[in-house]
Amino acid sequence: MAGHSAQLDAKTLWGGKESPFQTSYGKLMMWFFLVSDALTFSGLLIAYGFTRHDAQDAWPIGEETFNSMPFLGHGYPLLYVALMTFILIVSSVTMVLAVEAGHRMDRKGVTKWMIATIIGGFFFLGSQAWEWSHFIHGSEFGKIELSDGSQAIVKGHFGEIQNFTVTKAGSEHKVGAVIKDDLMHQFQHAAEQGHIENGFIHLSDGAVAKINKAHDHDLKLIIKRDGNTYKVGGEEITGKKAENLYYEALYAGEKNRVIYGANMKQNEYGPQQYAQFFFFITGFHGFHVFSGVIINILILLGVLAGTYHKRGHYEMVEKTGLYWHFVDLVWVFVFTFFYLL
């Protein structure tokens, strides 16, 4: 068998100047980076999975949390997230077309498809910023603490707040004044501080006003923390009973009985760890998308300047394409873990 082996001298073995697998040094280093980055995301998602397993019944469901569309309001479960995902996948296709055009030395084609990829990236970043804002501000109902100590999120149609009618004067508002501006923000802030009692709101200037609000519809309470009476995963609380329990807590005049939205300290949607993982993992991915958009813009400037055409190849476009495809692939896993499972 040894007679069939090729004998190489030391100069050929150790002389260098040859790319392994005929891959350029730049592409090889990009692959090393992507593998290390993939391990980072894997660790984060595995930690998320273990944490979710420990609090499975109380963990938020994607279609309950992300059910809004810009300008259309609530009632569209995961639709906007699906649109974001579709646009990002399409941007991966346009990047493939840019790389293919580079192989044909088609400078105009590379320019066209790179611009389309950058537009897709900006759309995704803008959508993620909107989603974060919606997640932080929360729903119209919030998460409520019931009289037995349990906590529940509320689903249904929130009746529109029409106005506040002042019944006790303050430093700015007189008796009989009708307040029509910034109603939801004032309502939620007062509810969090325990400044709403029996349908009356205490305003910041010391005035007291009656809340004139349309009737809610189809209320349902979903228990997220056990209490003395109501348990996580127990019988659904709907209809008039859900409405009575909700407004009994909301109008109790006690601070912190209701939580709106999510931040690093409190979370309307479920266990606090959910918000922490959401902000970190989607934010980390968003940073990668932002970096990819900036890199694509820099490469596009090189294409427009004719730099790569003069070199006789568009390998830089191919290398940034590897990074962009990786970012898209990671989002498929993030989307699955956070929104579908």
Protein backbone atom coordinates (compact mmCIF):
# COMPACT_ATOMS: atom_id res chain seq x y z
CA MET A 1 0.00 0.00 0.00
CA ALA A 2 2.85 2.34 0.80
CA GLY A 3 4.07 2.10 -2.79
CA HIS A 4 0.94 3.90 -4.01
CA SER A 5 1.34 6.94 -1.71
CA ALA A 6 2.63 10.18 -3.18
CA GLN A 7 5.98 11.24 -1.72
CA LEU A 8 6.18 15.01 -1.10
CA ASP A 9 9.33 16.86 -0.18
CA ALA A 10 9.52 19.22 2.81
CA LYS A 11 9.25 22.35 0.65
CA THR A 12 5.95 21.23 -0.86
CA LEU A 13 4.59 20.11 2.52
CA TRP A 14 5.52 23.21 4.50
CA GLY A 15 6.05 25.87 1.89
CA GLY A 16 2.55 27.36 2.18
CA LYS A 17 1.09 29.68 -0.49
CA GLU A 18 -1.71 27.22 -1.16
CA SER A 19 -5.34 27.67 0.03
CA PRO A 20 -6.90 24.57 1.66
CA PHE A 21 -9.77 23.26 -0.47
CA GLN A 22 -8.96 26.09 -2.90
CA THR A 23 -10.72 28.54 -0.57
CA SER A 24 -9.33 32.03 -0.14
CA TYR A 25 -7.99 33.11 3.22
CA GLY A 26 -10.75 35.73 3.57
CA LYS A 27 -13.59 33.25 3.03
CA LEU A 28 -11.98 30.73 5.35
CA MET A 29 -11.74 33.30 8.14
CA MET A 30 -15.36 34.30 7.54
CA TRP A 31 -16.39 30.66 8.00
CA PHE A 32 -14.39 30.46 11.25
CA PHE A 33 -16.19 33.57 12.52
CA LEU A 34 -19.61 32.25 11.53
CA VAL A 35 -19.03 28.91 13.27
CA SER A 36 -18.00 30.67 16.51
CA ASP A 37 -21.00 33.01 16.26
CA ALA A 38 -23.30 30.06 15.67
CA LEU A 39 -22.05 28.51 18.91
CA THR A 40 -22.87 31.75 20.75
CA PHE A 41 -26.45 31.81 19.46
CA SER A 42 -26.79 28.09 20.18
CA GLY A 43 -25.80 28.64 23.81
CA LEU A 44 -28.32 31.47 24.18
CA LEU A 45 -31.18 29.47 22.66
CA ILE A 46 -30.35 26.38 24.74
CA ALA A 47 -30.39 28.51 27.90
CA TYR A 48 -33.74 29.93 26.78
CA GLY A 49 -35.08 26.41 26.27
CA PHE A 50 -34.02 25.24 29.74
CA THR A 51 -35.53 28.34 31.38
CA ARG A 52 -38.78 27.92 29.50
CA HIS A 53 -39.01 24.26 30.49
CA ASP A 54 -38.88 25.24 34.18
CA ALA A 55 -41.87 27.58 33.80
CA GLN A 56 -43.69 25.96 30.92
CA ASP A 57 -47.32 26.54 31.96
CA ALA A 58 -46.78 30.23 32.72
CA TRP A 59 -44.66 30.92 29.63
CA PRO A 60 -46.23 33.28 27.05
CA ILE A 61 -47.55 31.91 23.77
CA GLY A 62 -46.35 33.73 20.66
CA GLU A 63 -49.77 34.35 19.12
CA GLU A 64 -51.03 35.81 22.42
CA THR A 65 -48.14 38.25 22.78
CA PHE A 66 -47.44 39.31 19.19
CA ASN A 67 -50.85 39.87 17.64
CA SER A 68 -50.70 43.46 16.38
CA MET A 69 -50.18 45.14 13.01
CA PRO A 70 -49.08 48.75 12.45
CA PHE A 71 -52.10 51.02 11.87
CA LEU A 72 -54.51 48.06 12.23
CA GLY A 73 -54.34 47.33 15.95
CA HIS A 74 -54.73 43.94 17.61
CA GLY A 75 -56.16 40.67 16.39
CA TYR A 76 -53.51 39.57 13.87
CA PRO A 77 -51.54 36.78 15.61
CA LEU A 78 -47.92 36.58 14.36
CA LEU A 79 -48.86 38.20 11.04
CA TYR A 80 -46.37 41.06 11.27
CA VAL A 81 -43.60 38.78 12.53
CA ALA A 82 -44.26 36.50 9.56
CA LEU A 83 -44.01 39.51 7.23
CA MET A 84 -40.67 40.51 8.81
CA THR A 85 -39.38 36.98 8.37
CA PHE A 86 -40.52 36.82 4.74
CA ILE A 87 -38.77 40.12 3.91
CA LEU A 88 -35.53 38.93 5.53
CA ILE A 89 -35.64 35.65 3.57
CA VAL A 90 -36.29 37.58 0.35
CA SER A 91 -33.24 39.75 1.14
CA SER A 92 -31.19 36.54 1.30
CA VAL A 93 -32.42 35.68 -2.20
CA THR A 94 -31.43 39.11 -3.51
CA MET A 95 -27.96 38.62 -1.96
CA VAL A 96 -27.64 35.30 -3.85
CA LEU A 97 -28.51 37.16 -7.05
CA ALA A 98 -25.88 39.81 -6.26
CA VAL A 99 -23.20 37.12 -5.80
CA GLU A 100 -24.29 35.40 -9.01
CA ALA A 101 -24.07 38.70 -10.90
CA GLY A 102 -20.57 39.17 -9.49
CA HIS A 103 -19.51 35.80 -10.90
CA ARG A 104 -20.62 37.07 -14.32
CA MET A 105 -18.77 40.37 -13.73
CA ASP A 106 -22.12 42.16 -14.09
CA ARG A 107 -21.48 45.35 -12.16
CA LYS A 108 -24.99 46.78 -12.72
CA GLY A 109 -26.59 43.53 -11.56
CA VAL A 110 -24.49 43.48 -8.39
CA THR A 111 -25.45 47.09 -7.69
CA LYS A 112 -29.17 46.45 -8.23
CA TRP A 113 -29.36 43.36 -6.02
CA MET A 114 -27.17 44.83 -3.29
CA ILE A 115 -29.50 47.83 -3.04
CA ALA A 116 -32.50 45.48 -2.78
CA THR A 117 -30.74 43.54 0.01
CA ILE A 118 -30.00 46.74 1.93
CA ILE A 119 -33.63 47.89 1.63
CA GLY A 120 -34.79 44.52 2.99
CA GLY A 121 -32.38 44.85 5.91
CA PHE A 122 -33.63 48.34 6.77
CA PHE A 123 -37.25 47.13 6.62
CA PHE A 124 -36.45 44.33 9.06
CA LEU A 125 -34.65 46.70 11.46
CA GLY A 126 -37.52 49.19 11.37
CA SER A 127 -40.02 46.39 11.97
CA GLN A 128 -38.02 45.08 14.90
CA ALA A 129 -37.87 48.58 16.40
CA TRP A 130 -41.68 48.82 16.11
CA GLU A 131 -42.09 45.37 17.65
CA TRP A 132 -39.81 46.28 20.57
CA SER A 133 -41.79 49.48 21.15
CA HIS A 134 -45.06 47.55 21.16
CA PHE A 135 -43.59 44.89 23.47
CA ILE A 136 -42.31 47.55 25.90
CA HIS A 137 -45.57 49.53 26.03
CA GLY A 138 -47.72 46.42 26.32
CA SER A 139 -51.38 45.73 25.73
CA GLU A 140 -54.34 47.88 26.68
CA PHE A 141 -55.35 45.53 29.51
CA GLY A 142 -51.96 44.74 31.06
CA LYS A 143 -51.30 41.94 33.54
CA ILE A 144 -53.50 42.12 36.63
CA GLU A 145 -53.06 40.79 40.16
CA LEU A 146 -56.33 39.28 41.35
CA SER A 147 -57.64 39.39 44.92
CA ASP A 148 -56.38 35.85 45.68
CA GLY A 149 -52.78 36.79 44.79
CA SER A 150 -52.77 35.17 41.35
CA GLN A 151 -51.65 37.09 38.27
CA ALA A 152 -53.40 36.96 34.91
CA ILE A 153 -53.01 38.42 31.44
CA VAL A 154 -56.18 39.65 29.80
CA LYS A 155 -57.40 39.02 26.26
CA GLY A 156 -60.40 40.58 24.54
CA HIS A 157 -61.61 43.83 23.00
CA PHE A 158 -60.75 46.88 25.09
CA GLY A 159 -63.54 49.45 25.05
CA GLU A 160 -62.35 52.85 23.84
CA ILE A 161 -61.83 55.54 26.48
CA GLN A 162 -63.99 58.42 25.31
CA ASN A 163 -63.04 61.14 27.82
CA PHE A 164 -62.56 62.06 31.47
CA THR A 165 -65.14 64.37 33.13
CA VAL A 166 -63.68 66.32 36.05
CA THR A 167 -65.75 66.00 39.24
CA LYS A 168 -63.24 67.55 41.65
CA ALA A 169 -61.08 70.50 40.65
CA GLY A 170 -57.31 70.45 40.63
CA SER A 171 -54.64 73.05 39.95
CA GLU A 172 -55.22 72.86 36.18
CA HIS A 173 -58.69 71.36 35.65
CA LYS A 174 -62.01 72.82 36.80
CA VAL A 175 -65.16 70.89 37.72
CA GLY A 176 -67.06 69.91 34.58
CA ALA A 177 -64.02 70.07 32.31
CA VAL A 178 -63.86 67.30 29.70
CA ILE A 179 -60.42 65.84 29.00
CA LYS A 180 -59.97 64.25 25.59
CA ASP A 181 -56.20 64.20 25.06
CA ASP A 182 -53.63 61.51 25.96
CA LEU A 183 -56.35 59.40 27.60
CA MET A 184 -54.74 55.94 27.37
CA HIS A 185 -51.37 57.09 28.70
CA GLN A 186 -52.97 58.85 31.68
CA PHE A 187 -55.26 55.88 32.32
CA GLN A 188 -52.42 53.33 32.36
CA HIS A 189 -50.09 55.49 34.44
CA ALA A 190 -52.82 56.08 37.02
CA ALA A 191 -53.71 52.37 37.08
CA GLU A 192 -50.09 51.38 37.78
CA GLN A 193 -49.85 53.91 40.61
CA GLY A 194 -53.18 52.86 42.15
CA HIS A 195 -54.81 56.19 41.30
CA ILE A 196 -58.02 54.72 39.86
CA GLU A 197 -60.86 53.86 42.21
CA ASN A 198 -64.40 52.76 41.33
CA GLY A 199 -64.30 54.28 37.86
CA PHE A 200 -62.70 57.59 38.90
CA ILE A 201 -59.16 58.65 38.05
CA HIS A 202 -56.91 60.89 40.17
CA LEU A 203 -55.04 63.20 37.79
CA SER A 204 -51.53 64.56 38.28
CA ASP A 205 -52.77 68.06 39.24
CA GLY A 206 -54.91 66.70 42.07
CA ALA A 207 -58.17 66.69 40.12
CA VAL A 208 -60.53 63.71 40.16
CA ALA A 209 -62.42 62.73 37.01
CA LYS A 210 -65.00 60.15 35.98
CA ILE A 211 -63.77 57.71 33.32
CA ASN A 212 -66.17 57.53 30.39
CA LYS A 213 -65.33 54.34 28.57
CA ALA A 214 -67.02 52.01 26.09
CA HIS A 215 -67.86 48.50 27.25
CA ASP A 216 -65.25 45.75 26.86
CA HIS A 217 -66.04 42.59 24.92
CA ASP A 218 -64.99 38.93 25.03
CA LEU A 219 -62.72 39.19 28.04
CA LYS A 220 -60.65 36.16 29.01
CA LEU A 221 -58.20 35.87 31.91
CA ILE A 222 -55.18 33.57 31.50
CA ILE A 223 -53.50 32.81 34.84
CA LYS A 224 -49.71 33.24 34.78
CA ARG A 225 -48.99 32.92 38.51
CA ASP A 226 -50.76 30.73 41.05
CA GLY A 227 -52.93 32.22 43.76
CA ASN A 228 -55.08 30.77 46.51
CA THR A 229 -58.03 30.19 44.19
CA TYR A 230 -56.84 30.43 40.59
CA LYS A 231 -53.98 28.29 39.28
CA VAL A 232 -51.79 28.26 36.17
CA GLY A 233 -53.31 25.92 33.60
CA GLY A 234 -56.64 25.84 35.44
CA GLU A 235 -60.15 26.49 34.14
CA GLU A 236 -60.52 29.43 31.74
CA ILE A 237 -62.06 32.58 33.21
CA THR A 238 -64.28 34.27 30.66
CA GLY A 239 -67.31 36.51 30.23
CA LYS A 240 -68.82 38.51 33.07
CA LYS A 241 -66.72 36.75 35.70
CA ALA A 242 -63.50 37.77 33.91
CA GLU A 243 -64.73 41.35 33.62
CA ASN A 244 -65.68 41.56 37.30
CA LEU A 245 -62.35 40.13 38.49
CA TYR A 246 -60.38 42.44 36.21
CA TYR A 247 -62.10 45.68 37.22
CA GLU A 248 -62.22 44.68 40.87
CA ALA A 249 -58.41 44.63 40.82
CA LEU A 250 -57.96 47.60 38.47
CA TYR A 251 -60.28 49.90 40.43
CA ALA A 252 -59.00 48.81 43.85
CA GLY A 253 -56.82 51.90 44.16
CA GLU A 254 -53.74 49.84 45.02
CA LYS A 255 -50.31 50.38 43.50
CA ASN A 256 -48.74 47.68 41.29
CA ARG A 257 -51.94 45.66 40.90
CA VAL A 258 -51.56 46.08 37.12
CA ILE A 259 -48.42 45.95 34.94
CA TYR A 260 -48.26 47.26 31.38
CA GLY A 261 -45.59 46.09 28.95
CA ALA A 262 -42.17 44.72 29.70
CA ASN A 263 -38.72 45.88 30.70
CA MET A 264 -35.79 44.37 32.60
CA LYS A 265 -37.65 44.64 35.94
CA GLN A 266 -41.25 43.72 35.15
CA ASN A 267 -43.09 41.80 32.46
CA GLU A 268 -46.76 41.88 31.53
CA TYR A 269 -46.63 38.74 29.41
CA GLY A 270 -45.36 36.13 31.85
CA PRO A 271 -42.22 35.23 33.83
CA GLN A 272 -39.63 38.00 34.01
CA GLN A 273 -36.99 35.80 32.33
CA TYR A 274 -39.08 35.84 29.14
CA ALA A 275 -38.57 39.57 28.64
CA GLN A 276 -34.89 39.34 29.54
CA PHE A 277 -34.26 36.60 26.98
CA PHE A 278 -36.39 38.40 24.39
CA PHE A 279 -34.50 41.67 24.68
CA PHE A 280 -31.07 40.01 24.73
CA ILE A 281 -31.48 37.43 21.96
CA THR A 282 -33.55 39.50 19.51
CA GLY A 283 -31.38 42.53 20.31
CA PHE A 284 -28.20 40.53 19.69
CA HIS A 285 -29.61 39.32 16.39
CA GLY A 286 -30.76 42.84 15.52
CA PHE A 287 -27.22 44.08 16.11
CA HIS A 288 -26.00 41.45 13.62
CA VAL A 289 -28.56 42.61 11.05
CA PHE A 290 -27.54 46.25 11.60
CA SER A 291 -23.87 45.30 11.20
CA GLY A 292 -24.73 43.39 8.04
CA VAL A 293 -26.57 46.38 6.56
CA ILE A 294 -23.58 48.66 7.28
CA ILE A 295 -21.17 46.14 5.73
CA ASN A 296 -23.43 45.81 2.68
CA ILE A 297 -23.48 49.59 2.27
CA LEU A 298 -19.66 49.73 2.43
CA ILE A 299 -19.36 46.91 -0.11
CA LEU A 300 -21.92 48.64 -2.34
CA LEU A 301 -19.81 51.81 -2.30
CA GLY A 302 -16.87 49.70 -3.46
CA VAL A 303 -19.01 48.25 -6.26
CA LEU A 304 -20.12 51.72 -7.37
CA ALA A 305 -16.50 52.92 -7.33
CA GLY A 306 -15.51 50.00 -9.57
CA THR A 307 -12.98 48.69 -7.03
CA TYR A 308 -13.91 45.03 -7.38
CA HIS A 309 -14.38 45.22 -11.15
CA LYS A 310 -10.80 46.44 -11.46
CA ARG A 311 -9.62 43.51 -9.33
CA GLY A 312 -11.32 41.12 -11.72
CA HIS A 313 -13.55 39.48 -9.12
CA TYR A 314 -16.36 40.25 -6.62
CA GLU A 315 -15.21 38.01 -3.79
CA MET A 316 -15.96 40.73 -1.23
CA VAL A 317 -19.62 40.54 -2.22
CA GLU A 318 -19.50 36.77 -1.74
CA LYS A 319 -17.92 37.09 1.72
CA THR A 320 -20.49 39.60 2.96
CA GLY A 321 -23.13 37.33 1.42
CA LEU A 322 -21.99 34.49 3.69
CA TYR A 323 -22.52 36.73 6.71
CA TRP A 324 -25.95 37.86 5.49
CA HIS A 325 -27.12 34.28 4.91
CA PHE A 326 -25.95 33.37 8.40
CA VAL A 327 -27.97 36.24 9.90
CA ASP A 328 -31.05 35.06 8.01
CA LEU A 329 -30.54 31.46 9.13
CA VAL A 330 -30.17 32.48 12.79
CA TRP A 331 -33.44 34.41 12.58
CA VAL A 332 -35.24 31.23 11.46
CA PHE A 333 -34.19 29.61 14.75
CA VAL A 334 -35.00 32.70 16.84
CA PHE A 335 -38.39 32.96 15.12
CA THR A 336 -39.11 29.29 15.84
CA PHE A 337 -38.05 29.43 19.50
CA PHE A 338 -39.76 32.71 20.46
CA TYR A 339 -42.84 32.85 18.26
CA LEU A 340 -43.84 29.34 17.19
CA LEU A 341 -42.98 26.99 20.07
